[in-house]
PDB file of all heavy atoms in Angstrom:
ATOM      1  N   GLN A   1       7.476   3.096 -18.605  1.00  0.00           N
ATOM      2  CA  GLN A   1       7.523   4.401 -19.243  1.00  0.00           C
ATOM      3  C   GLN A   1       6.363   5.273 -18.778  1.00  0.00           C
ATOM      4  O   GLN A   1       5.337   4.763 -18.321  1.00  0.00           O
ATOM      5  CB  GLN A   1       7.478   4.248 -20.760  1.00  0.00           C
ATOM      6  CG  GLN A   1       8.701   3.567 -21.342  1.00  0.00           C
ATOM      7  CD  GLN A   1       8.700   3.566 -22.849  1.00  0.00           C
ATOM      8  OE1 GLN A   1       7.640   3.575 -23.475  1.00  0.00           O
ATOM      9  NE2 GLN A   1       9.872   3.554 -23.443  1.00  0.00           N
ATOM     10  N   PRO A   2       6.503   6.597 -18.858  1.00  0.00           N
ATOM     11  CA  PRO A   2       5.384   7.474 -18.521  1.00  0.00           C
ATOM     12  C   PRO A   2       4.125   7.091 -19.293  1.00  0.00           C
ATOM     13  O   PRO A   2       4.175   6.794 -20.486  1.00  0.00           O
ATOM     14  CB  PRO A   2       5.884   8.859 -18.914  1.00  0.00           C
ATOM     15  CG  PRO A   2       7.369   8.763 -18.784  1.00  0.00           C
ATOM     16  CD  PRO A   2       7.717   7.362 -19.218  1.00  0.00           C
ATOM     17  N   GLY A   3       2.994   7.092 -18.593  1.00  0.00           N
ATOM     18  CA  GLY A   3       1.733   6.677 -19.181  1.00  0.00           C
ATOM     19  C   GLY A   3       1.440   5.202 -19.049  1.00  0.00           C
ATOM     20  O   GLY A   3       0.316   4.773 -19.351  1.00  0.00           O
ATOM     21  N   GLY A   4       2.409   4.428 -18.585  1.00  0.00           N
ATOM     22  CA  GLY A   4       2.236   3.001 -18.432  1.00  0.00           C
ATOM     23  C   GLY A   4       1.518   2.626 -17.151  1.00  0.00           C
ATOM     24  O   GLY A   4       1.080   3.484 -16.384  1.00  0.00           O
ATOM     25  N   SER A   5       1.427   1.309 -16.911  1.00  0.00           N
ATOM     26  CA  SER A   5       0.691   0.781 -15.769  1.00  0.00           C
ATOM     27  C   SER A   5       1.494  -0.296 -15.051  1.00  0.00           C
ATOM     28  O   SER A   5       2.313  -0.995 -15.652  1.00  0.00           O
ATOM     29  CB  SER A   5      -0.648   0.180 -16.211  1.00  0.00           C
ATOM     30  OG  SER A   5      -1.488   1.155 -16.794  1.00  0.00           O
ATOM     31  N   LEU A   6       1.237  -0.421 -13.758  1.00  0.00           N
ATOM     32  CA  LEU A   6       1.773  -1.488 -12.930  1.00  0.00           C
ATOM     33  C   LEU A   6       0.716  -1.897 -11.925  1.00  0.00           C
ATOM     34  O   LEU A   6      -0.134  -1.082 -11.542  1.00  0.00           O
ATOM     35  CB  LEU A   6       3.030  -1.058 -12.172  1.00  0.00           C
ATOM     36  CG  LEU A   6       4.359  -0.994 -12.917  1.00  0.00           C
ATOM     37  CD1 LEU A   6       5.430  -0.411 -11.997  1.00  0.00           C
ATOM     38  CD2 LEU A   6       4.772  -2.367 -13.408  1.00  0.00           C
ATOM     39  N   ARG A   7       0.790  -3.151 -11.478  1.00  0.00           N
ATOM     40  CA  ARG A   7      -0.102  -3.652 -10.444  1.00  0.00           C
ATOM     41  C   ARG A   7       0.733  -4.252  -9.320  1.00  0.00           C
ATOM     42  O   ARG A   7       1.450  -5.231  -9.523  1.00  0.00           O
ATOM     43  CB  ARG A   7      -1.050  -4.707 -11.009  1.00  0.00           C
ATOM     44  CG  ARG A   7      -2.074  -5.249  -9.993  1.00  0.00           C
ATOM     45  CD  ARG A   7      -3.014  -6.236 -10.671  1.00  0.00           C
ATOM     46  NE  ARG A   7      -3.937  -6.904  -9.761  1.00  0.00           N
ATOM     47  CZ  ARG A   7      -5.111  -6.418  -9.382  1.00  0.00           C
ATOM     48  NH1 ARG A   7      -5.522  -5.242  -9.831  1.00  0.00           N
ATOM     49  NH2 ARG A   7      -5.888  -7.110  -8.552  1.00  0.00           N
ATOM     50  N   LEU A   8       0.645  -3.658  -8.139  1.00  0.00           N
ATOM     51  CA  LEU A   8       1.354  -4.140  -6.973  1.00  0.00           C
ATOM     52  C   LEU A   8       0.462  -5.065  -6.149  1.00  0.00           C
ATOM     53  O   LEU A   8      -0.745  -4.853  -6.054  1.00  0.00           O
ATOM     54  CB  LEU A   8       1.813  -2.978  -6.089  1.00  0.00           C
ATOM     55  CG  LEU A   8       2.639  -1.877  -6.750  1.00  0.00           C
ATOM     56  CD1 LEU A   8       3.054  -0.843  -5.717  1.00  0.00           C
ATOM     57  CD2 LEU A   8       3.858  -2.462  -7.455  1.00  0.00           C
ATOM     58  N   SER A   9       1.073  -6.078  -5.545  1.00  0.00           N
ATOM     59  CA  SER A   9       0.364  -7.006  -4.679  1.00  0.00           C
ATOM     60  C   SER A   9       1.086  -7.106  -3.348  1.00  0.00           C
ATOM     61  O   SER A   9       2.308  -6.984  -3.280  1.00  0.00           O
ATOM     62  CB  SER A   9       0.276  -8.397  -5.314  1.00  0.00           C
ATOM     63  OG  SER A   9      -0.421  -8.359  -6.537  1.00  0.00           O
ATOM     64  N   CYS A  10       0.333  -7.361  -2.288  1.00  0.00           N
ATOM     65  CA  CYS A  10       0.890  -7.537  -0.952  1.00  0.00           C
ATOM     66  C   CYS A  10       0.065  -8.579  -0.218  1.00  0.00           C
ATOM     67  O   CYS A  10      -1.127  -8.365   0.028  1.00  0.00           O
ATOM     68  CB  CYS A  10       0.898  -6.213  -0.189  1.00  0.00           C
ATOM     69  SG  CYS A  10       1.401  -6.366   1.537  1.00  0.00           S
ATOM     70  N   ALA A  11       0.699  -9.685   0.136  1.00  0.00           N
ATOM     71  CA  ALA A  11       0.035 -10.778   0.832  1.00  0.00           C
ATOM     72  C   ALA A  11       0.426 -10.778   2.302  1.00  0.00           C
ATOM     73  O   ALA A  11       1.613 -10.748   2.634  1.00  0.00           O
ATOM     74  CB  ALA A  11       0.390 -12.112   0.189  1.00  0.00           C
ATOM     75  N   ALA A  12      -0.570 -10.827   3.177  1.00  0.00           N
ATOM     76  CA  ALA A  12      -0.352 -10.842   4.617  1.00  0.00           C
ATOM     77  C   ALA A  12      -0.463 -12.260   5.162  1.00  0.00           C
ATOM     78  O   ALA A  12      -1.286 -13.055   4.702  1.00  0.00           O
ATOM     79  CB  ALA A  12      -1.357  -9.940   5.328  1.00  0.00           C
ATOM     80  N   SER A  13       0.361 -12.549   6.157  1.00  0.00           N
ATOM     81  CA  SER A  13       0.303 -13.837   6.838  1.00  0.00           C
ATOM     82  C   SER A  13       0.631 -13.630   8.310  1.00  0.00           C
ATOM     83  O   SER A  13       0.987 -12.535   8.731  1.00  0.00           O
ATOM     84  CB  SER A  13       1.265 -14.846   6.200  1.00  0.00           C
ATOM     85  OG  SER A  13       2.607 -14.405   6.298  1.00  0.00           O
ATOM     86  N   GLY A  14       0.516 -14.700   9.091  1.00  0.00           N
ATOM     87  CA  GLY A  14       0.752 -14.604  10.519  1.00  0.00           C
ATOM     88  C   GLY A  14      -0.510 -14.209  11.263  1.00  0.00           C
ATOM     89  O   GLY A  14      -1.608 -14.650  10.920  1.00  0.00           O
ATOM     90  N   SER A  15      -0.353 -13.364  12.269  1.00  0.00           N
ATOM     91  CA  SER A  15      -1.476 -12.952  13.111  1.00  0.00           C
ATOM     92  C   SER A  15      -2.248 -11.809  12.478  1.00  0.00           C
ATOM     93  O   SER A  15      -2.343 -10.701  13.019  1.00  0.00           O
ATOM     94  CB  SER A  15      -0.969 -12.562  14.504  1.00  0.00           C
ATOM     95  OG  SER A  15      -0.327 -13.647  15.142  1.00  0.00           O
ATOM     96  N   PHE A  16      -2.808 -12.079  11.300  1.00  0.00           N
ATOM     97  CA  PHE A  16      -3.547 -11.081  10.550  1.00  0.00           C
ATOM     98  C   PHE A  16      -5.048 -11.321  10.694  1.00  0.00           C
ATOM     99  O   PHE A  16      -5.512 -12.457  10.566  1.00  0.00           O
ATOM    100  CB  PHE A  16      -3.151 -11.120   9.067  1.00  0.00           C
ATOM    101  CG  PHE A  16      -3.937 -10.167   8.226  1.00  0.00           C
ATOM    102  CD1 PHE A  16      -3.597  -8.823   8.164  1.00  0.00           C
ATOM    103  CD2 PHE A  16      -5.034 -10.601   7.489  1.00  0.00           C
ATOM    104  CE1 PHE A  16      -4.326  -7.935   7.391  1.00  0.00           C
ATOM    105  CE2 PHE A  16      -5.766  -9.724   6.712  1.00  0.00           C
ATOM    106  CZ  PHE A  16      -5.413  -8.391   6.665  1.00  0.00           C
ATOM    107  N   PHE A  17      -5.773 -10.255  10.952  1.00  0.00           N
ATOM    108  CA  PHE A  17      -7.226 -10.312  11.043  1.00  0.00           C
ATOM    109  C   PHE A  17      -7.827  -9.475   9.937  1.00  0.00           C
ATOM    110  O   PHE A  17      -7.330  -8.385   9.627  1.00  0.00           O
ATOM    111  CB  PHE A  17      -7.715  -9.821  12.408  1.00  0.00           C
ATOM    112  CG  PHE A  17      -7.288 -10.687  13.551  1.00  0.00           C
ATOM    113  CD1 PHE A  17      -6.119 -10.427  14.240  1.00  0.00           C
ATOM    114  CD2 PHE A  17      -8.059 -11.772  13.932  1.00  0.00           C
ATOM    115  CE1 PHE A  17      -5.723 -11.227  15.291  1.00  0.00           C
ATOM    116  CE2 PHE A  17      -7.665 -12.584  14.988  1.00  0.00           C
ATOM    117  CZ  PHE A  17      -6.490 -12.306  15.665  1.00  0.00           C
ATOM    118  N   ARG A  18      -8.891  -9.954   9.336  1.00  0.00           N
ATOM    119  CA  ARG A  18      -9.483  -9.285   8.189  1.00  0.00           C
ATOM    120  C   ARG A  18     -10.087  -7.937   8.534  1.00  0.00           C
ATOM    121  O   ARG A  18     -10.388  -7.156   7.636  1.00  0.00           O
ATOM    122  CB  ARG A  18     -10.519 -10.197   7.530  1.00  0.00           C
ATOM    123  CG  ARG A  18      -9.893 -11.438   6.905  1.00  0.00           C
ATOM    124  CD  ARG A  18     -10.860 -12.191   6.007  1.00  0.00           C
ATOM    125  NE  ARG A  18     -10.181 -13.269   5.299  1.00  0.00           N
ATOM    126  CZ  ARG A  18     -10.142 -14.523   5.708  1.00  0.00           C
ATOM    127  NH1 ARG A  18     -10.767 -14.889   6.819  1.00  0.00           N
ATOM    128  NH2 ARG A  18      -9.489 -15.432   4.998  1.00  0.00           N
ATOM    129  N   GLY A  19     -10.261  -7.637   9.811  1.00  0.00           N
ATOM    130  CA  GLY A  19     -10.736  -6.330  10.214  1.00  0.00           C
ATOM    131  C   GLY A  19      -9.683  -5.238  10.174  1.00  0.00           C
ATOM    132  O   GLY A  19     -10.012  -4.060  10.317  1.00  0.00           O
ATOM    133  N   TYR A  20      -8.419  -5.613   9.979  1.00  0.00           N
ATOM    134  CA  TYR A  20      -7.355  -4.614   9.910  1.00  0.00           C
ATOM    135  C   TYR A  20      -7.460  -3.781   8.646  1.00  0.00           C
ATOM    136  O   TYR A  20      -7.874  -4.263   7.594  1.00  0.00           O
ATOM    137  CB  TYR A  20      -5.992  -5.289   9.937  1.00  0.00           C
ATOM    138  CG  TYR A  20      -5.611  -5.962  11.242  1.00  0.00           C
ATOM    139  CD1 TYR A  20      -4.517  -6.821  11.287  1.00  0.00           C
ATOM    140  CD2 TYR A  20      -6.322  -5.746  12.404  1.00  0.00           C
ATOM    141  CE1 TYR A  20      -4.147  -7.445  12.467  1.00  0.00           C
ATOM    142  CE2 TYR A  20      -5.966  -6.371  13.586  1.00  0.00           C
ATOM    143  CZ  TYR A  20      -4.878  -7.223  13.608  1.00  0.00           C
ATOM    144  OH  TYR A  20      -4.512  -7.838  14.782  1.00  0.00           O
ATOM    145  N   THR A  21      -7.039  -2.512   8.751  1.00  0.00           N
ATOM    146  CA  THR A  21      -6.923  -1.652   7.583  1.00  0.00           C
ATOM    147  C   THR A  21      -5.619  -1.948   6.845  1.00  0.00           C
ATOM    148  O   THR A  21      -4.563  -2.096   7.462  1.00  0.00           O
ATOM    149  CB  THR A  21      -6.976  -0.177   7.996  1.00  0.00           C
ATOM    150  OG1 THR A  21      -8.270   0.122   8.510  1.00  0.00           O
ATOM    151  CG2 THR A  21      -6.693   0.734   6.807  1.00  0.00           C
ATOM    152  N   MET A  22      -5.692  -2.014   5.519  1.00  0.00           N
ATOM    153  CA  MET A  22      -4.519  -2.224   4.683  1.00  0.00           C
ATOM    154  C   MET A  22      -4.313  -1.002   3.802  1.00  0.00           C
ATOM    155  O   MET A  22      -5.261  -0.263   3.515  1.00  0.00           O
ATOM    156  CB  MET A  22      -4.674  -3.480   3.826  1.00  0.00           C
ATOM    157  CG  MET A  22      -5.031  -4.728   4.620  1.00  0.00           C
ATOM    158  SD  MET A  22      -5.111  -6.240   3.623  1.00  0.00           S
ATOM    159  CE  MET A  22      -3.349  -6.603   3.437  1.00  0.00           C
ATOM    160  N   GLY A  23      -3.071  -0.791   3.375  1.00  0.00           N
ATOM    161  CA  GLY A  23      -2.811   0.376   2.557  1.00  0.00           C
ATOM    162  C   GLY A  23      -1.448   0.358   1.910  1.00  0.00           C
ATOM    163  O   GLY A  23      -0.668  -0.589   2.075  1.00  0.00           O
ATOM    164  N   TRP A  24      -1.185   1.422   1.156  1.00  0.00           N
ATOM    165  CA  TRP A  24       0.088   1.610   0.473  1.00  0.00           C
ATOM    166  C   TRP A  24       0.636   2.987   0.779  1.00  0.00           C
ATOM    167  O   TRP A  24      -0.108   3.977   0.766  1.00  0.00           O
ATOM    168  CB  TRP A  24      -0.066   1.449  -1.043  1.00  0.00           C
ATOM    169  CG  TRP A  24      -0.386   0.058  -1.478  1.00  0.00           C
ATOM    170  CD1 TRP A  24      -1.613  -0.478  -1.691  1.00  0.00           C
ATOM    171  CD2 TRP A  24       0.565  -0.977  -1.761  1.00  0.00           C
ATOM    172  NE1 TRP A  24      -1.502  -1.783  -2.083  1.00  0.00           N
ATOM    173  CE2 TRP A  24      -0.172  -2.118  -2.135  1.00  0.00           C
ATOM    174  CE3 TRP A  24       1.956  -1.049  -1.732  1.00  0.00           C
ATOM    175  CZ2 TRP A  24       0.443  -3.327  -2.477  1.00  0.00           C
ATOM    176  CZ3 TRP A  24       2.564  -2.248  -2.074  1.00  0.00           C
ATOM    177  CH2 TRP A  24       1.803  -3.360  -2.440  1.00  0.00           C
ATOM    178  N   TYR A  25       1.936   3.055   1.038  1.00  0.00           N
ATOM    179  CA  TYR A  25       2.677   4.288   1.219  1.00  0.00           C
ATOM    180  C   TYR A  25       3.855   4.277   0.256  1.00  0.00           C
ATOM    181  O   TYR A  25       4.206   3.229  -0.288  1.00  0.00           O
ATOM    182  CB  TYR A  25       3.179   4.427   2.656  1.00  0.00           C
ATOM    183  CG  TYR A  25       2.075   4.613   3.689  1.00  0.00           C
ATOM    184  CD1 TYR A  25       1.199   3.582   3.999  1.00  0.00           C
ATOM    185  CD2 TYR A  25       1.921   5.828   4.356  1.00  0.00           C
ATOM    186  CE1 TYR A  25       0.196   3.747   4.936  1.00  0.00           C
ATOM    187  CE2 TYR A  25       0.923   6.002   5.299  1.00  0.00           C
ATOM    188  CZ  TYR A  25       0.067   4.954   5.585  1.00  0.00           C
ATOM    189  OH  TYR A  25      -0.924   5.130   6.525  1.00  0.00           O
ATOM    190  N   ARG A  26       4.453   5.446   0.046  1.00  0.00           N
ATOM    191  CA  ARG A  26       5.624   5.500  -0.823  1.00  0.00           C
ATOM    192  C   ARG A  26       6.608   6.536  -0.312  1.00  0.00           C
ATOM    193  O   ARG A  26       6.246   7.474   0.389  1.00  0.00           O
ATOM    194  CB  ARG A  26       5.230   5.820  -2.265  1.00  0.00           C
ATOM    195  CG  ARG A  26       4.674   7.216  -2.481  1.00  0.00           C
ATOM    196  CD  ARG A  26       4.183   7.375  -3.911  1.00  0.00           C
ATOM    197  NE  ARG A  26       3.681   8.715  -4.182  1.00  0.00           N
ATOM    198  CZ  ARG A  26       3.089   9.071  -5.304  1.00  0.00           C
ATOM    199  NH1 ARG A  26       2.924   8.184  -6.288  1.00  0.00           N
ATOM    200  NH2 ARG A  26       2.658  10.318  -5.466  1.00  0.00           N
ATOM    201  N   GLN A  27       7.870   6.338  -0.689  1.00  0.00           N
ATOM    202  CA  GLN A  27       8.929   7.250  -0.288  1.00  0.00           C
ATOM    203  C   GLN A  27       9.879   7.459  -1.460  1.00  0.00           C
ATOM    204  O   GLN A  27      10.511   6.515  -1.926  1.00  0.00           O
ATOM    205  CB  GLN A  27       9.690   6.723   0.925  1.00  0.00           C
ATOM    206  CG  GLN A  27      10.702   7.704   1.488  1.00  0.00           C
ATOM    207  CD  GLN A  27      11.224   7.277   2.847  1.00  0.00           C
ATOM    208  OE1 GLN A  27      11.177   6.110   3.207  1.00  0.00           O
ATOM    209  NE2 GLN A  27      11.717   8.238   3.608  1.00  0.00           N
ATOM    210  N   ALA A  28       9.957   8.701  -1.931  1.00  0.00           N
ATOM    211  CA  ALA A  28      10.877   9.080  -2.984  1.00  0.00           C
ATOM    212  C   ALA A  28      12.192   9.532  -2.371  1.00  0.00           C
ATOM    213  O   ALA A  28      12.239   9.935  -1.205  1.00  0.00           O
ATOM    214  CB  ALA A  28      10.271  10.190  -3.844  1.00  0.00           C
ATOM    215  N   PRO A  29      13.288   9.495  -3.135  1.00  0.00           N
ATOM    216  CA  PRO A  29      14.582   9.921  -2.604  1.00  0.00           C
ATOM    217  C   PRO A  29      14.534  11.338  -2.048  1.00  0.00           C
ATOM    218  O   PRO A  29      14.043  12.260  -2.707  1.00  0.00           O
ATOM    219  CB  PRO A  29      15.505   9.831  -3.816  1.00  0.00           C
ATOM    220  CG  PRO A  29      14.880   8.798  -4.691  1.00  0.00           C
ATOM    221  CD  PRO A  29      13.406   8.984  -4.514  1.00  0.00           C
ATOM    222  N   GLY A  30      15.024  11.508  -0.825  1.00  0.00           N
ATOM    223  CA  GLY A  30      15.076  12.817  -0.203  1.00  0.00           C
ATOM    224  C   GLY A  30      13.753  13.348   0.309  1.00  0.00           C
ATOM    225  O   GLY A  30      13.687  14.509   0.728  1.00  0.00           O
ATOM    226  N   LYS A  31      12.705  12.531   0.297  1.00  0.00           N
ATOM    227  CA  LYS A  31      11.392  12.980   0.736  1.00  0.00           C
ATOM    228  C   LYS A  31      10.856  12.092   1.854  1.00  0.00           C
ATOM    229  O   LYS A  31      11.344  10.986   2.085  1.00  0.00           O
ATOM    230  CB  LYS A  31      10.402  12.993  -0.431  1.00  0.00           C
ATOM    231  CG  LYS A  31      10.836  13.834  -1.614  1.00  0.00           C
ATOM    232  CD  LYS A  31       9.696  14.083  -2.578  1.00  0.00           C
ATOM    233  CE  LYS A  31       8.681  15.042  -1.973  1.00  0.00           C
ATOM    234  NZ  LYS A  31       7.605  15.394  -2.949  1.00  0.00           N
ATOM    235  N   GLN A  32       9.855  12.598   2.557  1.00  0.00           N
ATOM    236  CA  GLN A  32       9.194  11.849   3.614  1.00  0.00           C
ATOM    237  C   GLN A  32       8.306  10.756   3.020  1.00  0.00           C
ATOM    238  O   GLN A  32       7.804  10.875   1.903  1.00  0.00           O
ATOM    239  CB  GLN A  32       8.348  12.783   4.482  1.00  0.00           C
ATOM    240  CG  GLN A  32       9.129  13.860   5.213  1.00  0.00           C
ATOM    241  CD  GLN A  32       9.838  13.319   6.423  1.00  0.00           C
ATOM    242  OE1 GLN A  32       9.253  12.599   7.234  1.00  0.00           O
ATOM    243  NE2 GLN A  32      11.115  13.652   6.551  1.00  0.00           N
ATOM    244  N   ARG A  33       8.117   9.696   3.792  1.00  0.00           N
ATOM    245  CA  ARG A  33       7.164   8.680   3.394  1.00  0.00           C
ATOM    246  C   ARG A  33       5.755   9.269   3.444  1.00  0.00           C
ATOM    247  O   ARG A  33       5.391   9.946   4.406  1.00  0.00           O
ATOM    248  CB  ARG A  33       7.267   7.461   4.310  1.00  0.00           C
ATOM    249  CG  ARG A  33       6.399   6.291   3.882  1.00  0.00           C
ATOM    250  CD  ARG A  33       6.644   5.050   4.741  1.00  0.00           C
ATOM    251  NE  ARG A  33       8.027   4.594   4.630  1.00  0.00           N
ATOM    252  CZ  ARG A  33       8.477   3.466   5.186  1.00  0.00           C
ATOM    253  NH1 ARG A  33       7.647   2.686   5.870  1.00  0.00           N
ATOM    254  NH2 ARG A  33       9.743   3.126   5.047  1.00  0.00           N
ATOM    255  N   GLU A  34       4.964   9.009   2.412  1.00  0.00           N
ATOM    256  CA  GLU A  34       3.632   9.582   2.320  1.00  0.00           C
ATOM    257  C   GLU A  34       2.589   8.515   2.023  1.00  0.00           C
ATOM    258  O   GLU A  34       2.872   7.493   1.393  1.00  0.00           O
ATOM    259  CB  GLU A  34       3.575  10.666   1.240  1.00  0.00           C
ATOM    260  CG  GLU A  34       3.814  10.150  -0.168  1.00  0.00           C
ATOM    261  CD  GLU A  34       3.687  11.234  -1.221  1.00  0.00           C
ATOM    262  OE1 GLU A  34       3.332  12.376  -0.875  1.00  0.00           O
ATOM    263  OE2 GLU A  34       3.951  10.940  -2.408  1.00  0.00           O
ATOM    264  N   LEU A  35       1.383   8.777   2.465  1.00  0.00           N
ATOM    265  CA  LEU A  35       0.262   7.885   2.202  1.00  0.00           C
ATOM    266  C   LEU A  35      -0.130   7.953   0.735  1.00  0.00           C
ATOM    267  O   LEU A  35      -0.197   9.033   0.148  1.00  0.00           O
ATOM    268  CB  LEU A  35      -0.927   8.261   3.090  1.00  0.00           C
ATOM    269  CG  LEU A  35      -2.187   7.398   2.990  1.00  0.00           C
ATOM    270  CD1 LEU A  35      -2.883   7.327   4.343  1.00  0.00           C
ATOM    271  CD2 LEU A  35      -3.148   7.962   1.948  1.00  0.00           C
ATOM    272  N   VAL A  36      -0.395   6.794   0.147  1.00  0.00           N
ATOM    273  CA  VAL A  36      -0.907   6.704  -1.212  1.00  0.00           C
ATOM    274  C   VAL A  36      -2.389   6.365  -1.201  1.00  0.00           C
ATOM    275  O   VAL A  36      -3.205   7.059  -1.807  1.00  0.00           O
ATOM    276  CB  VAL A  36      -0.127   5.670  -2.044  1.00  0.00           C
ATOM    277  CG1 VAL A  36      -0.731   5.535  -3.439  1.00  0.00           C
ATOM    278  CG2 VAL A  36       1.344   6.055  -2.129  1.00  0.00           C
ATOM    279  N   ALA A  37      -2.751   5.281  -0.512  1.00  0.00           N
ATOM    280  CA  ALA A  37      -4.140   4.847  -0.458  1.00  0.00           C
ATOM    281  C   ALA A  37      -4.325   3.877   0.697  1.00  0.00           C
ATOM    282  O   ALA A  37      -3.400   3.157   1.065  1.00  0.00           O
ATOM    283  CB  ALA A  37      -4.564   4.183  -1.769  1.00  0.00           C
ATOM    284  N   THR A  38      -5.526   3.858   1.266  1.00  0.00           N
ATOM    285  CA  THR A  38      -5.883   2.896   2.304  1.00  0.00           C
ATOM    286  C   THR A  38      -7.235   2.288   1.993  1.00  0.00           C
ATOM    287  O   THR A  38      -8.062   2.889   1.301  1.00  0.00           O
ATOM    288  CB  THR A  38      -5.929   3.527   3.707  1.00  0.00           C
ATOM    289  OG1 THR A  38      -6.912   4.566   3.739  1.00  0.00           O
ATOM    290  CG2 THR A  38      -4.571   4.090   4.088  1.00  0.00           C
ATOM    291  N   ILE A  39      -7.455   1.094   2.541  1.00  0.00           N
ATOM    292  CA  ILE A  39      -8.737   0.421   2.368  1.00  0.00           C
ATOM    293  C   ILE A  39      -9.061  -0.380   3.628  1.00  0.00           C
ATOM    294  O   ILE A  39      -8.464  -1.426   3.889  1.00  0.00           O
ATOM    295  CB  ILE A  39      -8.751  -0.460   1.095  1.00  0.00           C
ATOM    296  CG1 ILE A  39     -10.115  -1.123   0.922  1.00  0.00           C
ATOM    297  CG2 ILE A  39      -7.617  -1.482   1.106  1.00  0.00           C
ATOM    298  CD1 ILE A  39     -10.304  -1.755  -0.452  1.00  0.00           C
ATOM    299  N   PRO A  40     -10.007   0.110   4.445  1.00  0.00           N
ATOM    300  CA  PRO A  40     -10.439  -0.658   5.610  1.00  0.00           C
ATOM    301  C   PRO A  40     -11.226  -1.890   5.193  1.00  0.00           C
ATOM    302  O   PRO A  40     -11.492  -2.111   4.008  1.00  0.00           O
ATOM    303  CB  PRO A  40     -11.333   0.332   6.368  1.00  0.00           C
ATOM    304  CG  PRO A  40     -11.064   1.674   5.762  1.00  0.00           C
ATOM    305  CD  PRO A  40     -10.682   1.408   4.344  1.00  0.00           C
ATOM    306  N   SER A  41     -11.607  -2.685   6.182  1.00  0.00           N
ATOM    307  CA  SER A  41     -12.335  -3.910   5.879  1.00  0.00           C
ATOM    308  C   SER A  41     -13.701  -3.636   5.271  1.00  0.00           C
ATOM    309  O   SER A  41     -14.247  -4.504   4.584  1.00  0.00           O
ATOM    310  CB  SER A  41     -12.484  -4.764   7.142  1.00  0.00           C
ATOM    311  OG  SER A  41     -13.170  -4.057   8.161  1.00  0.00           O
ATOM    312  N   ASP A  42     -14.271  -2.455   5.514  1.00  0.00           N
ATOM    313  CA  ASP A  42     -15.563  -2.116   4.928  1.00  0.00           C
ATOM    314  C   ASP A  42     -15.460  -1.656   3.484  1.00  0.00           C
ATOM    315  O   ASP A  42     -16.488  -1.384   2.852  1.00  0.00           O
ATOM    316  CB  ASP A  42     -16.302  -1.070   5.771  1.00  0.00           C
ATOM    317  CG  ASP A  42     -15.586   0.270   5.847  1.00  0.00           C
ATOM    318  OD1 ASP A  42     -14.608   0.482   5.114  1.00  0.00           O
ATOM    319  OD2 ASP A  42     -16.014   1.113   6.654  1.00  0.00           O
TER     320      ASP A  42
END
């Protein structure tokens, strides 16, 4: 419901290096995919 909370998780495997930047994007119906947030290794 509006005002509520959720926590998303994403686990990486394979040829993943901790120096890679990770992030979240989103796409609403009829709209372009957009950046939500990013977090580099630093």
